[in-house]
Protein backbone atom coordinates (compact mmCIF):
# COMPACT_ATOMS: atom_id res chain seq x y z
CA MET A 1 82.36 -40.30 2.35
CA GLU A 2 79.45 -38.88 4.33
CA LEU A 3 78.25 -35.33 3.78
CA PRO A 4 78.58 -33.21 6.95
CA GLN A 5 74.78 -32.78 7.18
CA PHE A 6 74.12 -36.52 7.14
CA SER A 7 77.04 -37.26 9.45
CA ALA A 8 75.65 -34.87 12.06
CA LEU A 9 72.19 -36.44 11.86
CA ARG A 10 73.70 -39.89 12.20
CA ARG A 11 75.65 -38.83 15.29
CA HIS A 12 72.45 -37.45 16.79
CA LEU A 13 70.67 -40.74 16.17
CA VAL A 14 73.51 -42.75 17.67
CA LEU A 15 73.49 -40.60 20.80
CA GLY A 16 69.77 -40.12 21.10
CA GLY A 17 68.09 -43.31 19.94
CA LEU A 18 66.04 -44.41 16.97
CA THR A 19 64.08 -41.22 16.35
CA GLY A 20 65.37 -38.75 18.86
CA VAL A 21 65.47 -36.21 16.03
CA ALA A 22 61.67 -36.31 15.94
CA ALA A 23 61.55 -34.49 19.26
CA TRP A 24 62.92 -31.35 17.61
CA ALA A 25 59.59 -30.44 16.07
CA GLY A 26 57.21 -31.06 18.98
CA ARG A 27 54.22 -31.45 16.65
CA ALA A 28 52.63 -34.62 18.00
CA TYR A 29 48.86 -34.76 17.72
CA ALA A 30 46.05 -37.20 18.44
CA LEU A 31 45.54 -39.74 15.66
CA ALA A 32 42.02 -40.18 14.34
CA ALA A 33 40.41 -43.57 14.00
CA LYS A 34 40.29 -44.48 10.33
CA THR A 35 39.83 -47.42 8.02
CA LEU A 36 43.14 -48.90 6.96
CA THR A 37 43.16 -49.77 3.28
CA PHE A 38 45.34 -52.34 1.55
CA PRO A 39 47.62 -52.49 -0.30
CA ARG A 40 48.12 -48.71 0.25
CA ASP A 41 48.65 -49.00 4.01
CA ARG A 42 51.26 -51.71 3.54
CA GLY A 43 53.37 -48.92 2.04
CA SER A 44 55.22 -46.01 3.62
CA HIS A 45 53.62 -43.08 5.46
CA PRO A 46 56.31 -40.39 5.18
CA GLY A 47 54.17 -37.72 6.84
CA PHE A 48 54.58 -39.56 10.15
CA ARG A 49 57.67 -39.38 12.32
CA THR A 50 58.29 -43.06 12.90
CA GLU A 51 57.45 -46.25 11.03
CA TRP A 52 58.63 -49.83 10.96
CA TRP A 53 57.99 -53.08 9.12
CA TYR A 54 58.94 -56.09 11.19
CA ILE A 55 59.00 -59.83 10.44
CA THR A 56 60.01 -62.47 12.96
CA GLY A 57 59.70 -66.23 12.90
CA GLN A 58 61.27 -69.62 13.14
CA ALA A 59 62.22 -72.09 10.44
CA ALA A 60 63.90 -75.47 10.14
CA PRO A 61 65.39 -77.58 7.35
CA ALA A 62 63.31 -80.43 6.00
CA GLY A 63 64.18 -84.05 6.65
CA ALA A 64 66.48 -85.45 9.30
CA ASP A 65 68.33 -82.22 10.04
CA LYS A 66 67.33 -81.23 13.58
CA ARG A 67 68.56 -77.65 13.42
CA LYS A 68 66.18 -74.80 14.16
CA PHE A 69 66.58 -71.10 13.48
CA GLY A 70 64.89 -67.92 14.57
CA PHE A 71 65.06 -64.84 12.37
CA GLN A 72 64.06 -61.22 12.53
CA LEU A 73 64.22 -58.45 9.97
CA THR A 74 63.11 -54.89 10.63
CA PHE A 75 63.05 -51.85 8.36
CA PHE A 76 62.64 -48.46 10.04
CA ARG A 77 61.80 -45.07 8.55
CA SER A 78 62.38 -41.78 10.39
CA ARG A 79 61.15 -38.36 9.24
CA ILE A 80 63.66 -35.59 10.02
CA GLU A 81 61.60 -32.48 10.76
CA ASP A 82 64.39 -29.90 10.55
CA THR A 83 65.22 -30.83 6.96
CA GLN A 84 61.71 -30.89 5.48
CA ALA A 85 61.96 -27.36 4.06
CA MET A 86 65.35 -27.93 2.46
CA THR A 87 65.32 -28.01 -1.34
CA SER A 88 68.61 -29.80 -1.88
CA SER A 89 68.31 -33.36 -3.14
CA PHE A 90 71.06 -34.20 -0.64
CA ALA A 91 68.88 -33.17 2.34
CA ALA A 92 68.21 -36.13 4.62
CA ARG A 93 64.43 -35.65 4.91
CA GLN A 94 63.80 -39.36 5.49
CA LEU A 95 66.26 -41.86 6.94
CA LEU A 96 65.96 -45.61 6.54
CA PHE A 97 67.49 -48.17 8.88
CA ALA A 98 67.33 -51.95 8.97
CA HIS A 99 68.27 -54.67 11.43
CA ALA A 100 68.46 -58.39 10.79
CA ALA A 101 69.38 -61.32 12.98
CA VAL A 102 69.46 -65.10 12.95
CA THR A 103 69.23 -67.18 16.11
CA ASP A 104 71.13 -70.43 15.64
CA VAL A 105 69.43 -72.54 18.31
CA GLN A 106 71.75 -75.52 18.01
CA GLY A 107 74.85 -73.31 17.98
CA LYS A 108 73.45 -71.15 20.83
CA ARG A 109 74.44 -67.94 19.10
CA LEU A 110 72.94 -64.84 17.56
CA LEU A 111 74.20 -63.41 14.25
CA THR A 112 73.32 -59.78 13.49
CA ASP A 113 73.81 -57.05 10.91
CA GLN A 114 72.38 -53.58 10.17
CA ARG A 115 72.09 -50.88 7.50
CA ILE A 116 71.49 -47.10 7.39
CA ALA A 117 71.01 -44.62 4.52
CA ARG A 118 69.06 -41.52 3.60
CA ASN A 119 66.12 -41.92 1.24
CA GLY A 120 66.93 -41.33 -2.41
CA PHE A 121 69.55 -41.75 -5.15
CA GLY A 122 68.38 -45.33 -5.73
CA VAL A 123 70.18 -46.39 -2.55
CA ALA A 124 67.20 -46.42 -0.22
CA PHE A 125 63.45 -45.99 -0.69
CA ALA A 126 60.11 -47.00 0.77
CA SER A 127 57.16 -46.96 -1.62
CA GLU A 128 53.92 -45.25 -0.61
CA GLN A 129 51.84 -47.50 -2.89
CA ASP A 130 52.55 -50.90 -1.37
CA MET A 131 55.21 -52.61 0.70
CA ALA A 132 58.39 -52.14 -1.33
CA ILE A 133 61.46 -51.18 0.67
CA LYS A 134 65.09 -51.12 -0.38
CA LEU A 135 68.08 -50.26 1.77
CA ARG A 136 71.32 -50.76 -0.11
CA ASP A 137 71.46 -54.54 -0.76
CA TRP A 138 68.53 -55.40 1.51
CA SER A 139 64.91 -55.46 0.38
CA LEU A 140 61.38 -56.35 1.43
CA ARG A 141 58.45 -56.27 -0.96
CA ALA A 142 54.89 -57.50 -1.29
CA GLU A 143 53.46 -59.40 -4.24
CA GLY A 144 49.75 -59.95 -3.67
CA LYS A 145 49.44 -62.01 -0.50
CA LYS A 146 53.12 -62.86 -0.44
CA TYR A 147 56.12 -61.00 1.02
CA ILE A 148 59.66 -61.47 -0.25
CA ALA A 149 62.74 -60.61 1.78
CA GLU A 150 66.36 -60.69 0.63
CA LEU A 151 69.00 -59.70 3.18
CA PRO A 152 72.59 -60.80 2.50
CA ALA A 153 74.96 -60.15 5.40
CA SER A 154 78.53 -60.90 6.40
CA THR A 155 77.91 -64.04 8.50
CA PHE A 156 74.40 -64.99 7.35
CA ALA A 157 71.86 -64.41 4.60
CA LEU A 158 68.08 -64.51 4.41
CA LYS A 159 66.14 -65.17 1.21
CA LEU A 160 62.63 -65.94 2.39
CA GLN A 161 59.04 -65.80 1.21
CA PHE A 162 56.07 -65.35 3.53
CA GLU A 163 52.53 -66.22 2.44
CA GLU A 164 49.38 -65.04 4.18
CA THR A 165 47.23 -67.82 5.64
CA GLN A 166 44.85 -65.55 7.58
CA PRO A 167 43.28 -62.10 7.17
CA VAL A 168 45.08 -59.02 8.46
CA LEU A 169 44.80 -58.49 12.22
CA LEU A 170 43.98 -54.87 13.11
CA GLN A 171 45.42 -54.09 16.54
CA GLY A 172 43.67 -51.83 19.06
CA ASN A 173 40.56 -50.04 17.82
CA LYS A 174 40.41 -51.32 14.24
CA GLY A 175 44.06 -50.48 13.70
CA LEU A 176 44.44 -47.51 16.08
CA SER A 177 46.52 -48.80 18.99
CA ARG A 178 46.77 -46.72 22.17
CA LYS A 179 50.20 -46.59 23.81
CA GLY A 180 49.52 -44.22 26.71
CA PRO A 181 46.96 -42.20 28.68
CA GLN A 182 46.90 -39.31 26.19
CA GLU A 183 45.26 -39.64 22.77
CA GLN A 184 48.39 -38.61 20.86
CA GLN A 185 50.23 -41.59 22.38
CA ALA A 186 49.01 -44.02 19.75
CA SER A 187 49.95 -45.67 16.51
CA TYR A 188 48.35 -47.20 13.47
CA TYR A 189 49.20 -50.87 13.84
CA TYR A 190 48.32 -54.11 12.08
CA SER A 191 49.76 -57.62 12.11
CA GLN A 192 49.92 -60.63 9.80
CA PRO A 193 50.36 -63.69 12.03
CA GLN A 194 50.77 -67.29 10.92
CA LEU A 195 52.69 -66.51 7.73
CA ALA A 196 53.74 -69.70 5.94
CA THR A 197 57.47 -69.35 5.42
CA HIS A 198 59.92 -71.00 3.07
CA GLY A 199 63.18 -70.19 1.35
CA SER A 200 66.88 -70.30 2.07
CA LEU A 201 68.88 -69.33 5.11
CA GLN A 202 72.66 -69.20 5.15
CA VAL A 203 74.80 -69.32 8.28
CA ASN A 204 78.58 -68.94 8.03
CA GLY A 205 78.62 -70.14 4.44
CA GLN A 206 76.36 -73.15 5.02
CA SER A 207 73.03 -72.93 3.23
CA PHE A 208 69.75 -74.47 4.38
CA GLU A 209 66.40 -74.80 2.62
CA VAL A 210 63.92 -74.06 5.39
CA ALA A 211 60.22 -73.83 6.15
CA GLY A 212 58.36 -72.46 9.13
CA ARG A 213 56.02 -69.77 10.47
CA ALA A 214 56.43 -66.01 10.77
CA TRP A 215 54.74 -62.87 12.07
CA LEU A 216 54.61 -59.44 10.40
CA ASP A 217 53.98 -56.14 12.18
CA HIS A 218 53.64 -52.75 10.52
CA GLU A 219 53.30 -49.66 12.71
CA TRP A 220 53.52 -45.90 12.20
CA SER A 221 53.03 -43.02 14.61
CA GLU A 222 53.71 -39.44 15.68
CA GLU A 223 54.29 -40.12 19.36
CA LEU A 224 54.60 -43.59 20.84
CA LEU A 225 56.10 -43.42 24.33
CA PRO A 226 54.21 -41.61 27.10
CA PRO A 227 56.15 -39.44 29.58
CA GLY A 228 58.08 -41.55 32.06
CA ALA A 229 58.32 -44.61 29.81
CA VAL A 230 61.85 -45.85 29.09
CA GLY A 231 60.99 -48.87 26.93
CA TRP A 232 58.63 -51.78 26.43
CA ASP A 233 58.18 -55.53 26.70
CA TRP A 234 56.29 -57.16 23.80
CA ILE A 235 55.42 -60.60 22.52
CA GLY A 236 54.00 -61.75 19.20
CA MET A 237 53.21 -65.46 19.33
CA ASN A 238 51.92 -67.89 16.71
CA LEU A 239 50.03 -70.61 18.56
CA ASN A 240 50.08 -74.19 17.35
CA ASP A 241 46.29 -74.24 16.86
CA GLY A 242 46.39 -71.24 14.50
CA SER A 243 45.64 -68.56 17.10
CA ALA A 244 47.70 -65.37 17.44
CA LEU A 245 48.64 -63.67 20.72
CA THR A 246 49.95 -60.12 21.11
CA ALA A 247 50.80 -58.66 24.52
CA PHE A 248 52.81 -55.60 25.49
CA ARG A 249 53.50 -53.15 28.25
CA LEU A 250 55.31 -49.82 28.29
CA ARG A 251 57.56 -49.62 31.32
CA ASP A 252 59.04 -46.87 33.51
CA ASN A 253 62.53 -46.80 34.99
CA ASN A 254 61.35 -48.71 38.09
CA GLY A 255 59.92 -51.55 36.03
CA ASN A 256 56.29 -50.51 36.52
CA ALA A 257 53.76 -50.61 33.70
CA VAL A 258 52.82 -47.22 32.26
CA TRP A 259 50.45 -48.77 29.71
CA ASP A 260 49.59 -52.25 28.46
CA GLY A 261 47.53 -53.95 25.81
CA GLY A 262 47.37 -56.63 23.15
CA SER A 263 44.97 -59.07 21.55
CA LEU A 264 44.13 -62.70 21.03
CA ARG A 265 42.67 -63.93 17.75
CA SER A 266 41.45 -67.49 17.73
CA ALA A 267 42.02 -69.91 14.89
CA ASN A 268 38.44 -69.35 13.71
CA GLY A 269 38.95 -65.57 13.53
CA GLU A 270 37.35 -64.36 16.76
CA LEU A 271 39.26 -61.31 17.99
CA TYR A 272 39.49 -60.22 21.62
CA THR A 273 41.26 -56.89 22.20
CA PHE A 274 42.76 -56.42 25.66
CA ASN A 275 41.98 -53.35 27.75
CA ARG A 276 44.40 -51.41 29.90
CA GLY A 277 45.17 -53.47 33.01
CA ASP A 278 44.43 -56.80 31.33
CA VAL A 279 48.10 -57.63 30.71
CA ILE A 280 50.71 -58.15 33.44
CA PHE A 281 54.36 -59.07 32.81
CA LYS A 282 56.11 -60.70 35.78
CA PRO A 283 59.84 -61.55 35.40
CA VAL A 284 60.89 -65.05 36.45
CA ARG A 285 64.56 -65.36 35.41
CA ARG A 286 67.10 -62.79 34.27
CA TRP A 287 70.24 -62.82 32.16
CA LYS A 288 72.98 -60.18 32.38
CA SER A 289 74.52 -59.09 29.12
CA PRO A 290 78.34 -59.10 29.11
CA LEU A 291 78.21 -56.41 26.41
CA SER A 292 75.84 -53.82 27.88
CA GLN A 293 75.60 -55.06 31.49
CA ALA A 294 71.81 -54.85 31.12
CA ASN A 295 69.71 -57.36 33.06
CA TYR A 296 67.03 -58.80 30.78
CA PRO A 297 64.19 -61.02 31.98
CA VAL A 298 64.55 -64.00 29.65
CA GLU A 299 61.64 -65.85 31.22
CA TRP A 300 58.32 -64.25 32.08
CA ILE A 301 54.87 -65.03 33.39
CA VAL A 302 52.51 -63.04 31.18
CA ARG A 303 48.96 -62.73 32.42
CA THR A 304 46.30 -62.10 29.79
CA PRO A 305 42.52 -62.58 29.74
CA ALA A 306 43.15 -65.76 27.75
CA ASP A 307 45.56 -67.50 30.16
CA PHE A 308 48.65 -67.17 32.33
CA TYR A 309 51.50 -67.93 29.94
CA THR A 310 55.19 -68.62 30.47
CA VAL A 311 57.37 -66.97 27.83
CA ARG A 312 60.85 -68.49 27.76
CA ALA A 313 63.80 -67.54 25.54
CA VAL A 314 65.26 -70.47 23.58
CA ILE A 315 68.74 -69.04 24.26
CA ASP A 316 69.60 -66.22 26.66
CA ASN A 317 71.92 -64.09 24.55
CA GLN A 318 69.70 -62.55 21.88
CA GLU A 319 70.74 -58.95 22.51
CA LEU A 320 71.19 -56.69 19.46
CA ASP A 321 73.68 -53.84 19.45
CA SER A 322 72.43 -51.36 16.84
CA ARG A 323 74.35 -48.32 18.02
CA VAL A 324 75.92 -47.73 14.60
CA SER A 325 72.46 -47.33 13.00
CA THR A 326 69.53 -46.58 15.34
CA GLY A 327 71.62 -45.97 18.44
CA ALA A 328 69.81 -48.55 20.54
CA ILE A 329 70.76 -51.74 22.34
CA TYR A 330 67.82 -54.09 22.85
CA TRP A 331 66.91 -57.75 23.31
CA GLU A 332 64.81 -59.52 20.71
CA GLY A 333 64.69 -63.23 20.28
CA LEU A 334 62.97 -66.51 19.59
CA SER A 335 60.96 -67.73 22.57
CA GLU A 336 58.55 -70.50 23.55
CA LEU A 337 54.99 -69.97 24.74
CA ILE A 338 53.82 -72.33 27.51
CA ASP A 339 50.29 -72.35 28.89
CA SER A 340 49.21 -72.61 32.54
CA ASN A 341 49.07 -76.42 32.24
CA GLY A 342 52.75 -76.58 31.28
CA ASN A 343 52.16 -77.35 27.60
CA GLN A 344 54.11 -75.61 24.88
CA VAL A 345 51.33 -74.10 22.82
CA GLY A 346 53.26 -71.83 20.48
CA SER A 347 56.37 -69.85 19.72
CA GLY A 348 57.32 -66.42 18.53
CA TYR A 349 59.36 -63.42 19.50
CA LEU A 350 59.93 -61.51 22.71
CA GLU A 351 61.22 -57.94 22.43
CA MET A 352 62.59 -55.89 25.35
CA THR A 353 63.79 -52.30 24.98
CA GLY A 354 65.05 -49.69 27.42
CA TYR A 355 67.06 -52.01 29.66
CA ALA A 356 70.53 -50.93 28.53
CA GLN A 357 69.49 -47.28 28.20
CA PRO A 358 66.19 -45.37 27.92
CA LEU A 359 64.68 -45.64 24.45
CA ARG A 360 63.90 -42.32 22.84
CA LEU A 361 61.09 -42.17 20.31
């Protein structure tokens, strides 16, 4: 049984989006450039409104089995400003959410699940010392240069380990990533591309030992979306040669870019950070969701300083309905990366928000 206070907050989140409650305080400020330190900055930053830890990737069974899977797991933390002064241990000062999904490429289907709980009582927590997050029966933790995720769900289960093969990638200006024309529209943001992945993946009771590659993002902020932005388009791609490509744009209701950015790090570690105007997303083919009626571009031409890439979803229906936790409907799925010569040069995840309804952050 939910307490009335938590139930009201949950209703507000469902109606208003992931961190609509953050708008109550109106205390956004410009973030200062700083040196991110690890393992501390792998942990939680509860003084900030919004934070997420995000791992996506693809994996396949060894041997003759030709199946391929995409997977994503995301843990969110939201600071509730109006409850910070409350002394009750039942006060929902921090809320934790999580989404997980498996793309069954052969079966052409997406399996999803989600969790929500307030911080505390041993049910949910996010450590400030290092990456160690628990949300009911789901968890993500770091052990040295390895990350361990365990997420049992009703129609699937993930029990995966991810090992670093490259140094951390600091996005933007050494980890300070601008998201709009004003200085407060920014986040602290780092990535861990090219994670060597292995473990077990279960789909509808059938278990597979799998191996593959993954991508980790960790981001925290006070204010992320500039005025007029309704959502974003983002890609995180592991290239076959060991490079890592990030590209994003924040988009208004007419589909125009409000801000854009990203980076390319070569296999030998050379990092090129994109400037505003360097990245252009051009939709090629769309898919209409029977659930939300949203029209998602499931194939794009993405122009970057490195190349003109085609980004193509491996299956069209990779829409996630998270209205019972974060309140949002969005598209996030396994996609191929094809260069301007028509060669598949990598794979990763495409994320599109704000198509079914404006995203509120």
